[in-house]
Amino acid sequence: MEKEIILESNTLITSKTDLKGNIIYANSDFLKYAGYQMNEILYQPHSIVRHHDMPKTVFKCLWNYIQEGKEIFAFVKNKTKFNDYYWVFANVTASFDQKGKIINYYSVRRKPKKEAIGIIKEVYKTLLKAEQNGGIKAGIEELVNIVNSYKMSYNQLILELQA
């Protein structure tokens, strides 16, 4: 049975990936919560910590944003090496070279607001159902509808939930 691990309030999980999403850096908080040693995750896909409850829609949107060089925020349920899980409030950005070309992606994760997770769980259930019925396209349409219902942008909504 999966058990939830709650992040300590001073936790700052950071990682960096190459352009394909392979881990090229992870800090000690990443290793602590994910349950891995550095040699187990270095150059592995960041999806090694992706929990099956996470809608593909969220990661599709995340990749679309960062590949365009835009910053994105998200609530993410991650799994540990031992199949437990922990929620994070993530901020993901692209890193650029001196010519403005994206060279990698950097993510910082903090403890999410408990009230936000209650809301996000329901949103993610809705997105998963949409994906099951109509694929990722349906998931994205559903996410757009949800965000539009709040009359703000995706990032504004996520930041508002964490505020």
N, C-alpha and C. Protein backbone atom coordinates (compact mmCIF):
# COMPACT_ATOMS: atom_id res chain seq x y z
N MET A 1 0.84 -1.20 0.00
CA MET A 1 0.00 0.00 0.00
C MET A 1 0.88 1.25 0.00
N GLU A 2 0.56 2.15 -0.90
CA GLU A 2 1.30 3.40 -0.97
C GLU A 2 1.06 4.24 0.27
N LYS A 3 2.11 4.90 0.71
CA LYS A 3 1.91 5.86 1.79
C LYS A 3 2.41 7.22 1.33
N GLU A 4 1.74 8.26 1.84
CA GLU A 4 2.12 9.61 1.47
C GLU A 4 3.24 10.11 2.35
N ILE A 5 4.21 10.73 1.72
CA ILE A 5 5.30 11.38 2.43
C ILE A 5 5.04 12.89 2.30
N ILE A 6 5.00 13.57 3.42
CA ILE A 6 4.76 15.02 3.43
C ILE A 6 6.10 15.74 3.47
N LEU A 7 6.30 16.66 2.55
CA LEU A 7 7.54 17.44 2.55
C LEU A 7 7.61 18.33 3.78
N GLU A 8 8.80 18.48 4.30
CA GLU A 8 9.03 19.44 5.38
C GLU A 8 8.93 20.84 4.77
N SER A 9 8.55 21.82 5.59
CA SER A 9 8.32 23.16 5.04
C SER A 9 9.57 23.83 4.47
N ASN A 10 10.74 23.44 4.90
CA ASN A 10 11.97 24.06 4.38
C ASN A 10 12.57 23.28 3.20
N THR A 11 11.86 22.30 2.70
CA THR A 11 12.36 21.47 1.61
C THR A 11 12.43 22.27 0.32
N LEU A 12 13.51 22.07 -0.40
CA LEU A 12 13.70 22.69 -1.71
C LEU A 12 14.29 21.63 -2.64
N ILE A 13 13.42 20.92 -3.34
CA ILE A 13 13.85 19.86 -4.25
C ILE A 13 14.23 20.52 -5.57
N THR A 14 15.46 20.29 -6.02
CA THR A 14 15.88 20.85 -7.30
C THR A 14 16.48 19.77 -8.18
N SER A 15 16.26 19.95 -9.47
CA SER A 15 16.88 19.05 -10.44
C SER A 15 17.02 19.78 -11.75
N LYS A 16 17.88 19.23 -12.57
CA LYS A 16 18.11 19.79 -13.90
C LYS A 16 18.09 18.61 -14.87
N THR A 17 17.47 18.85 -16.04
CA THR A 17 17.46 17.80 -17.05
C THR A 17 18.04 18.32 -18.35
N ASP A 18 18.45 17.39 -19.19
CA ASP A 18 18.86 17.77 -20.54
C ASP A 18 17.59 18.02 -21.36
N LEU A 19 17.75 18.30 -22.62
CA LEU A 19 16.62 18.66 -23.46
C LEU A 19 15.65 17.50 -23.69
N LYS A 20 16.09 16.28 -23.41
CA LYS A 20 15.22 15.11 -23.57
C LYS A 20 14.55 14.70 -22.26
N GLY A 21 14.83 15.43 -21.17
CA GLY A 21 14.22 15.11 -19.88
C GLY A 21 15.00 14.13 -19.03
N ASN A 22 16.27 13.89 -19.37
CA ASN A 22 17.12 13.02 -18.56
C ASN A 22 17.79 13.84 -17.46
N ILE A 23 17.81 13.29 -16.27
CA ILE A 23 18.36 13.99 -15.10
C ILE A 23 19.86 14.17 -15.25
N ILE A 24 20.30 15.43 -15.13
CA ILE A 24 21.74 15.71 -15.15
C ILE A 24 22.20 16.33 -13.83
N TYR A 25 21.23 16.65 -12.96
CA TYR A 25 21.56 17.15 -11.62
C TYR A 25 20.35 16.92 -10.72
N ALA A 26 20.61 16.52 -9.49
CA ALA A 26 19.56 16.41 -8.47
C ALA A 26 20.20 16.73 -7.13
N ASN A 27 19.50 17.54 -6.33
CA ASN A 27 20.07 17.90 -5.02
C ASN A 27 19.72 16.84 -3.97
N SER A 28 20.21 17.05 -2.76
CA SER A 28 20.03 16.06 -1.69
C SER A 28 18.56 15.90 -1.31
N ASP A 29 17.76 16.98 -1.38
CA ASP A 29 16.33 16.84 -1.08
C ASP A 29 15.63 15.96 -2.12
N PHE A 30 16.02 16.09 -3.37
CA PHE A 30 15.46 15.20 -4.41
C PHE A 30 15.74 13.75 -4.04
N LEU A 31 16.99 13.46 -3.74
CA LEU A 31 17.40 12.09 -3.41
C LEU A 31 16.68 11.59 -2.16
N LYS A 32 16.56 12.45 -1.17
CA LYS A 32 15.92 12.09 0.10
C LYS A 32 14.46 11.68 -0.12
N TYR A 33 13.70 12.51 -0.81
CA TYR A 33 12.27 12.23 -0.97
C TYR A 33 11.99 11.15 -2.02
N ALA A 34 12.77 11.12 -3.09
CA ALA A 34 12.55 10.11 -4.12
C ALA A 34 13.10 8.75 -3.72
N GLY A 35 14.04 8.74 -2.76
CA GLY A 35 14.58 7.47 -2.27
C GLY A 35 15.68 6.87 -3.12
N TYR A 36 16.26 7.65 -3.97
CA TYR A 36 17.32 7.15 -4.86
C TYR A 36 18.69 7.64 -4.43
N GLN A 37 19.71 6.93 -4.88
CA GLN A 37 21.09 7.40 -4.80
C GLN A 37 21.39 8.09 -6.13
N MET A 38 22.34 9.00 -6.13
CA MET A 38 22.66 9.75 -7.34
C MET A 38 22.97 8.82 -8.52
N ASN A 39 23.75 7.76 -8.28
CA ASN A 39 24.13 6.87 -9.38
C ASN A 39 22.93 6.10 -9.96
N GLU A 40 21.81 6.06 -9.25
CA GLU A 40 20.61 5.38 -9.76
C GLU A 40 19.76 6.27 -10.66
N ILE A 41 19.90 7.59 -10.51
CA ILE A 41 19.02 8.48 -11.29
C ILE A 41 19.74 9.33 -12.31
N LEU A 42 21.05 9.50 -12.16
CA LEU A 42 21.79 10.34 -13.09
C LEU A 42 21.65 9.77 -14.51
N TYR A 43 21.26 10.63 -15.44
CA TYR A 43 21.04 10.31 -16.86
C TYR A 43 19.83 9.41 -17.09
N GLN A 44 19.01 9.24 -16.07
CA GLN A 44 17.74 8.52 -16.23
C GLN A 44 16.65 9.54 -16.55
N PRO A 45 15.57 9.10 -17.22
CA PRO A 45 14.46 10.02 -17.50
C PRO A 45 13.85 10.54 -16.19
N HIS A 46 13.54 11.83 -16.16
CA HIS A 46 12.93 12.42 -14.97
C HIS A 46 11.61 11.71 -14.65
N SER A 47 11.02 11.10 -15.63
CA SER A 47 9.76 10.37 -15.43
C SER A 47 9.92 9.18 -14.49
N ILE A 48 11.13 8.91 -14.05
CA ILE A 48 11.37 7.85 -13.07
C ILE A 48 10.58 8.11 -11.79
N VAL A 49 10.26 9.38 -11.52
CA VAL A 49 9.48 9.74 -10.33
C VAL A 49 8.02 10.07 -10.67
N ARG A 50 7.60 9.82 -11.90
CA ARG A 50 6.22 10.14 -12.30
C ARG A 50 5.26 9.12 -11.70
N HIS A 51 4.28 9.62 -11.00
CA HIS A 51 3.26 8.77 -10.40
C HIS A 51 2.16 8.49 -11.42
N HIS A 52 1.60 7.28 -11.38
CA HIS A 52 0.58 6.89 -12.36
C HIS A 52 -0.73 7.68 -12.22
N ASP A 53 -0.92 8.38 -11.10
CA ASP A 53 -2.11 9.22 -10.93
C ASP A 53 -2.01 10.56 -11.67
N MET A 54 -0.84 10.85 -12.20
CA MET A 54 -0.64 12.14 -12.88
C MET A 54 -1.16 12.06 -14.32
N PRO A 55 -2.03 13.01 -14.68
CA PRO A 55 -2.52 13.03 -16.06
C PRO A 55 -1.39 13.38 -17.04
N LYS A 56 -1.37 12.72 -18.19
CA LYS A 56 -0.39 13.04 -19.23
C LYS A 56 -0.56 14.49 -19.70
N THR A 57 -1.79 14.98 -19.63
CA THR A 57 -2.10 16.35 -20.03
C THR A 57 -1.21 17.36 -19.33
N VAL A 58 -0.99 17.17 -18.04
CA VAL A 58 -0.19 18.12 -17.26
C VAL A 58 1.23 18.18 -17.81
N PHE A 59 1.80 17.01 -18.12
CA PHE A 59 3.18 16.99 -18.62
C PHE A 59 3.26 17.49 -20.06
N LYS A 60 2.22 17.25 -20.84
CA LYS A 60 2.17 17.79 -22.21
C LYS A 60 2.21 19.32 -22.15
N CYS A 61 1.39 19.90 -21.28
CA CYS A 61 1.38 21.36 -21.13
C CYS A 61 2.73 21.86 -20.62
N LEU A 62 3.28 21.15 -19.64
CA LEU A 62 4.57 21.54 -19.07
C LEU A 62 5.64 21.57 -20.16
N TRP A 63 5.73 20.51 -20.96
CA TRP A 63 6.73 20.45 -22.02
C TRP A 63 6.49 21.54 -23.06
N ASN A 64 5.23 21.79 -23.42
CA ASN A 64 4.93 22.84 -24.39
C ASN A 64 5.44 24.19 -23.89
N TYR A 65 5.20 24.50 -22.63
CA TYR A 65 5.65 25.77 -22.04
C TYR A 65 7.17 25.88 -22.06
N ILE A 66 7.85 24.89 -21.48
CA ILE A 66 9.30 25.04 -21.31
C ILE A 66 10.05 24.96 -22.63
N GLN A 67 9.54 24.20 -23.60
CA GLN A 67 10.21 24.14 -24.90
C GLN A 67 10.10 25.47 -25.64
N GLU A 68 9.12 26.28 -25.25
CA GLU A 68 9.00 27.63 -25.82
C GLU A 68 9.76 28.65 -24.97
N GLY A 69 10.45 28.17 -23.94
CA GLY A 69 11.23 29.05 -23.09
C GLY A 69 10.41 29.75 -22.02
N LYS A 70 9.16 29.32 -21.82
CA LYS A 70 8.28 29.92 -20.82
C LYS A 70 8.38 29.17 -19.49
N GLU A 71 8.20 29.91 -18.43
CA GLU A 71 8.17 29.35 -17.08
C GLU A 71 6.78 28.74 -16.83
N ILE A 72 6.73 27.65 -16.06
CA ILE A 72 5.45 27.04 -15.73
C ILE A 72 5.46 26.56 -14.28
N PHE A 73 4.27 26.57 -13.69
CA PHE A 73 4.06 26.09 -12.33
C PHE A 73 3.08 24.92 -12.40
N ALA A 74 3.22 23.98 -11.48
CA ALA A 74 2.30 22.83 -11.47
C ALA A 74 2.35 22.15 -10.11
N PHE A 75 1.26 21.48 -9.80
CA PHE A 75 1.24 20.57 -8.66
C PHE A 75 1.47 19.19 -9.22
N VAL A 76 2.43 18.47 -8.64
CA VAL A 76 2.81 17.17 -9.19
C VAL A 76 2.86 16.14 -8.07
N LYS A 77 2.26 14.99 -8.36
CA LYS A 77 2.34 13.84 -7.46
C LYS A 77 3.48 12.96 -7.98
N ASN A 78 4.52 12.82 -7.19
CA ASN A 78 5.67 12.01 -7.56
C ASN A 78 5.66 10.70 -6.80
N LYS A 79 6.28 9.69 -7.39
CA LYS A 79 6.43 8.42 -6.68
C LYS A 79 7.88 8.23 -6.26
N THR A 80 8.05 7.50 -5.19
CA THR A 80 9.40 7.21 -4.70
C THR A 80 9.88 5.88 -5.29
N LYS A 81 11.13 5.60 -5.08
CA LYS A 81 11.71 4.32 -5.49
C LYS A 81 10.93 3.16 -4.87
N PHE A 82 10.35 3.40 -3.70
CA PHE A 82 9.66 2.35 -2.95
C PHE A 82 8.15 2.39 -3.14
N ASN A 83 7.71 3.13 -4.19
CA ASN A 83 6.30 3.24 -4.57
C ASN A 83 5.42 3.96 -3.55
N ASP A 84 6.02 4.79 -2.72
CA ASP A 84 5.23 5.72 -1.92
C ASP A 84 5.10 6.97 -2.78
N TYR A 85 4.49 8.03 -2.26
CA TYR A 85 4.32 9.23 -3.08
C TYR A 85 4.44 10.49 -2.23
N TYR A 86 4.69 11.59 -2.93
CA TYR A 86 4.76 12.90 -2.29
C TYR A 86 4.32 13.95 -3.31
N TRP A 87 3.60 14.94 -2.82
CA TRP A 87 3.13 16.04 -3.66
C TRP A 87 4.12 17.20 -3.59
N VAL A 88 4.29 17.88 -4.71
CA VAL A 88 5.14 19.05 -4.76
C VAL A 88 4.45 20.19 -5.52
N PHE A 89 4.86 21.39 -5.20
CA PHE A 89 4.52 22.57 -5.97
C PHE A 89 5.77 22.87 -6.80
N ALA A 90 5.67 22.70 -8.11
CA ALA A 90 6.84 22.77 -8.98
C ALA A 90 6.87 24.05 -9.81
N ASN A 91 8.08 24.54 -10.00
CA ASN A 91 8.36 25.65 -10.91
C ASN A 91 9.42 25.15 -11.87
N VAL A 92 9.12 25.16 -13.17
CA VAL A 92 10.05 24.64 -14.16
C VAL A 92 10.37 25.74 -15.17
N THR A 93 11.65 25.90 -15.44
CA THR A 93 12.09 26.92 -16.39
C THR A 93 13.16 26.35 -17.31
N ALA A 94 13.32 26.99 -18.43
CA ALA A 94 14.40 26.65 -19.34
C ALA A 94 15.64 27.44 -18.94
N SER A 95 16.80 26.84 -19.18
CA SER A 95 18.07 27.55 -19.01
C SER A 95 18.61 27.84 -20.41
N PHE A 96 19.16 29.03 -20.59
CA PHE A 96 19.60 29.46 -21.91
C PHE A 96 21.11 29.70 -21.95
N ASP A 97 21.68 29.51 -23.13
CA ASP A 97 23.09 29.87 -23.31
C ASP A 97 23.16 31.37 -23.67
N GLN A 98 24.36 31.86 -23.94
CA GLN A 98 24.55 33.29 -24.21
C GLN A 98 23.86 33.76 -25.48
N LYS A 99 23.54 32.82 -26.37
CA LYS A 99 22.87 33.18 -27.63
C LYS A 99 21.35 33.05 -27.53
N GLY A 100 20.85 32.71 -26.32
CA GLY A 100 19.42 32.58 -26.13
C GLY A 100 18.85 31.22 -26.50
N LYS A 101 19.72 30.26 -26.73
CA LYS A 101 19.30 28.90 -27.07
C LYS A 101 19.08 28.10 -25.78
N ILE A 102 17.98 27.34 -25.73
CA ILE A 102 17.70 26.50 -24.55
C ILE A 102 18.73 25.38 -24.47
N ILE A 103 19.35 25.25 -23.29
CA ILE A 103 20.39 24.21 -23.12
C ILE A 103 19.97 23.12 -22.13
N ASN A 104 19.05 23.43 -21.23
CA ASN A 104 18.52 22.42 -20.31
C ASN A 104 17.33 23.01 -19.57
N TYR A 105 16.76 22.20 -18.68
CA TYR A 105 15.58 22.63 -17.91
C TYR A 105 15.87 22.48 -16.43
N TYR A 106 15.38 23.42 -15.66
CA TYR A 106 15.64 23.48 -14.22
C TYR A 106 14.31 23.50 -13.49
N SER A 107 14.20 22.68 -12.46
CA SER A 107 12.96 22.61 -11.70
C SER A 107 13.24 22.74 -10.21
N VAL A 108 12.41 23.55 -9.57
CA VAL A 108 12.46 23.74 -8.12
C VAL A 108 11.10 23.34 -7.58
N ARG A 109 11.09 22.47 -6.57
CA ARG A 109 9.84 22.02 -5.97
C ARG A 109 9.83 22.29 -4.48
N ARG A 110 8.67 22.73 -4.02
CA ARG A 110 8.46 23.04 -2.61
C ARG A 110 7.26 22.28 -2.09
N LYS A 111 7.05 22.41 -0.78
CA LYS A 111 5.88 21.81 -0.16
C LYS A 111 4.63 22.54 -0.68
N PRO A 112 3.66 21.79 -1.19
CA PRO A 112 2.43 22.44 -1.68
C PRO A 112 1.48 22.75 -0.54
N LYS A 113 0.61 23.70 -0.79
CA LYS A 113 -0.42 24.04 0.17
C LYS A 113 -1.44 22.89 0.22
N LYS A 114 -1.75 22.43 1.41
CA LYS A 114 -2.64 21.28 1.58
C LYS A 114 -3.99 21.49 0.90
N GLU A 115 -4.56 22.68 1.03
CA GLU A 115 -5.87 22.98 0.44
C GLU A 115 -5.81 22.88 -1.08
N ALA A 116 -4.69 23.27 -1.66
CA ALA A 116 -4.53 23.22 -3.11
C ALA A 116 -4.55 21.77 -3.60
N ILE A 117 -3.92 20.89 -2.85
CA ILE A 117 -3.86 19.48 -3.26
C ILE A 117 -5.26 18.87 -3.30
N GLY A 118 -6.10 19.23 -2.34
CA GLY A 118 -7.48 18.74 -2.36
C GLY A 118 -8.20 19.11 -3.65
N ILE A 119 -8.00 20.32 -4.11
CA ILE A 119 -8.63 20.80 -5.35
C ILE A 119 -7.98 20.11 -6.56
N ILE A 120 -6.66 20.07 -6.56
CA ILE A 120 -5.93 19.50 -7.70
C ILE A 120 -6.23 18.02 -7.88
N LYS A 121 -6.40 17.28 -6.81
CA LYS A 121 -6.74 15.85 -6.92
C LYS A 121 -8.01 15.67 -7.75
N GLU A 122 -9.00 16.52 -7.50
CA GLU A 122 -10.27 16.43 -8.24
C GLU A 122 -10.07 16.83 -9.71
N VAL A 123 -9.29 17.87 -9.93
CA VAL A 123 -9.00 18.29 -11.31
C VAL A 123 -8.30 17.15 -12.05
N TYR A 124 -7.32 16.52 -11.41
CA TYR A 124 -6.56 15.46 -12.07
C TYR A 124 -7.43 14.23 -12.33
N LYS A 125 -8.36 13.93 -11.44
CA LYS A 125 -9.31 12.83 -11.71
C LYS A 125 -10.12 13.12 -12.96
N THR A 126 -10.57 14.38 -13.09
CA THR A 126 -11.33 14.80 -14.27
C THR A 126 -10.48 14.68 -15.53
N LEU A 127 -9.23 15.10 -15.45
CA LEU A 127 -8.34 15.02 -16.61
C LEU A 127 -8.05 13.57 -16.99
N LEU A 128 -7.84 12.72 -16.01
CA LEU A 128 -7.58 11.30 -16.28
C LEU A 128 -8.79 10.66 -16.96
N LYS A 129 -9.97 11.01 -16.51
CA LYS A 129 -11.19 10.46 -17.11
C LYS A 129 -11.31 10.94 -18.57
N ALA A 130 -11.04 12.21 -18.80
CA ALA A 130 -11.07 12.76 -20.16
C ALA A 130 -10.06 12.03 -21.05
N GLU A 131 -8.85 11.80 -20.52
CA GLU A 131 -7.81 11.09 -21.28
C GLU A 131 -8.24 9.67 -21.61
N GLN A 132 -8.87 9.00 -20.65
CA GLN A 132 -9.33 7.62 -20.89
C GLN A 132 -10.38 7.57 -21.99
N ASN A 133 -11.23 8.59 -22.02
CA ASN A 133 -12.32 8.62 -23.00
C ASN A 133 -11.90 9.15 -24.37
N GLY A 134 -10.97 10.11 -24.39
CA GLY A 134 -10.65 10.74 -25.67
C GLY A 134 -9.19 11.04 -25.90
N GLY A 135 -8.32 10.44 -25.11
CA GLY A 135 -6.89 10.66 -25.29
C GLY A 135 -6.43 12.01 -24.75
N ILE A 136 -5.17 12.31 -25.03
CA ILE A 136 -4.56 13.53 -24.49
C ILE A 136 -5.25 14.78 -25.04
N LYS A 137 -5.74 14.70 -26.27
CA LYS A 137 -6.43 15.85 -26.86
C LYS A 137 -7.65 16.23 -26.00
N ALA A 138 -8.39 15.23 -25.57
CA ALA A 138 -9.55 15.46 -24.70
C ALA A 138 -9.11 15.99 -23.34
N GLY A 139 -7.99 15.50 -22.84
CA GLY A 139 -7.45 15.98 -21.57
C GLY A 139 -7.09 17.45 -21.64
N ILE A 140 -6.46 17.84 -22.74
CA ILE A 140 -6.07 19.24 -22.91
C ILE A 140 -7.32 20.12 -23.03
N GLU A 141 -8.31 19.67 -23.79
CA GLU A 141 -9.56 20.44 -23.92
C GLU A 141 -10.21 20.62 -22.54
N GLU A 142 -10.20 19.58 -21.74
CA GLU A 142 -10.79 19.65 -20.41
C GLU A 142 -10.01 20.62 -19.52
N LEU A 143 -8.69 20.55 -19.59
CA LEU A 143 -7.86 21.48 -18.80
C LEU A 143 -8.13 22.93 -19.20
N VAL A 144 -8.21 23.19 -20.49
CA VAL A 144 -8.51 24.54 -20.98
C VAL A 144 -9.86 25.00 -20.44
N ASN A 145 -10.85 24.12 -20.46
CA ASN A 145 -12.18 24.46 -19.93
C ASN A 145 -12.12 24.80 -18.45
N ILE A 146 -11.38 24.00 -17.69
CA ILE A 146 -11.25 24.22 -16.25
C ILE A 146 -10.58 25.57 -15.98
N VAL A 147 -9.46 25.81 -16.64
CA VAL A 147 -8.72 27.06 -16.43
C VAL A 147 -9.60 28.25 -16.84
N ASN A 148 -10.25 28.15 -17.99
CA ASN A 148 -11.11 29.24 -18.47
C ASN A 148 -12.25 29.54 -17.50
N SER A 149 -12.73 28.51 -16.81
CA SER A 149 -13.84 28.72 -15.86
C SER A 149 -13.43 29.63 -14.70
N TYR A 150 -12.14 29.72 -14.45
CA TYR A 150 -11.62 30.61 -13.39
C TYR A 150 -11.28 32.00 -13.93
N LYS A 151 -11.39 32.17 -15.24
CA LYS A 151 -11.14 33.47 -15.89
C LYS A 151 -9.73 34.02 -15.59
N MET A 152 -8.76 33.11 -15.68
CA MET A 152 -7.36 33.52 -15.53
C MET A 152 -6.50 32.54 -16.32
N SER A 153 -5.22 32.85 -16.43
CA SER A 153 -4.31 31.94 -17.15
C SER A 153 -4.00 30.72 -16.27
N TYR A 154 -3.44 29.71 -16.92
CA TYR A 154 -3.05 28.49 -16.19
C TYR A 154 -2.12 28.82 -15.03
N ASN A 155 -1.02 29.53 -15.32
CA ASN A 155 -0.06 29.85 -14.26
C ASN A 155 -0.70 30.68 -13.15
N GLN A 156 -1.56 31.64 -13.51
CA GLN A 156 -2.24 32.45 -12.49
C GLN A 156 -3.06 31.56 -11.57
N LEU A 157 -3.76 30.61 -12.16
CA LEU A 157 -4.60 29.71 -11.36
C LEU A 157 -3.75 28.88 -10.40
N ILE A 158 -2.68 28.31 -10.90
CA ILE A 158 -1.81 27.47 -10.06
C ILE A 158 -1.19 28.31 -8.94
N LEU A 159 -0.72 29.50 -9.26
CA LEU A 159 -0.13 30.38 -8.24
C LEU A 159 -1.17 30.81 -7.22
N GLU A 160 -2.38 31.05 -7.67
CA GLU A 160 -3.48 31.43 -6.76
C GLU A 160 -3.76 30.30 -5.78
N LEU A 161 -3.76 29.07 -6.27
CA LEU A 161 -4.02 27.92 -5.39
C LEU A 161 -2.92 27.76 -4.34
N GLN A 162 -1.69 28.11 -4.70
CA GLN A 162 -0.56 27.96 -3.77
C GLN A 162 -0.43 29.16 -2.82
N ALA A 163 -1.06 30.29 -3.17
CA ALA A 163 -0.93 31.52 -2.36
C ALA A 163 -1.48 31.37 -0.94
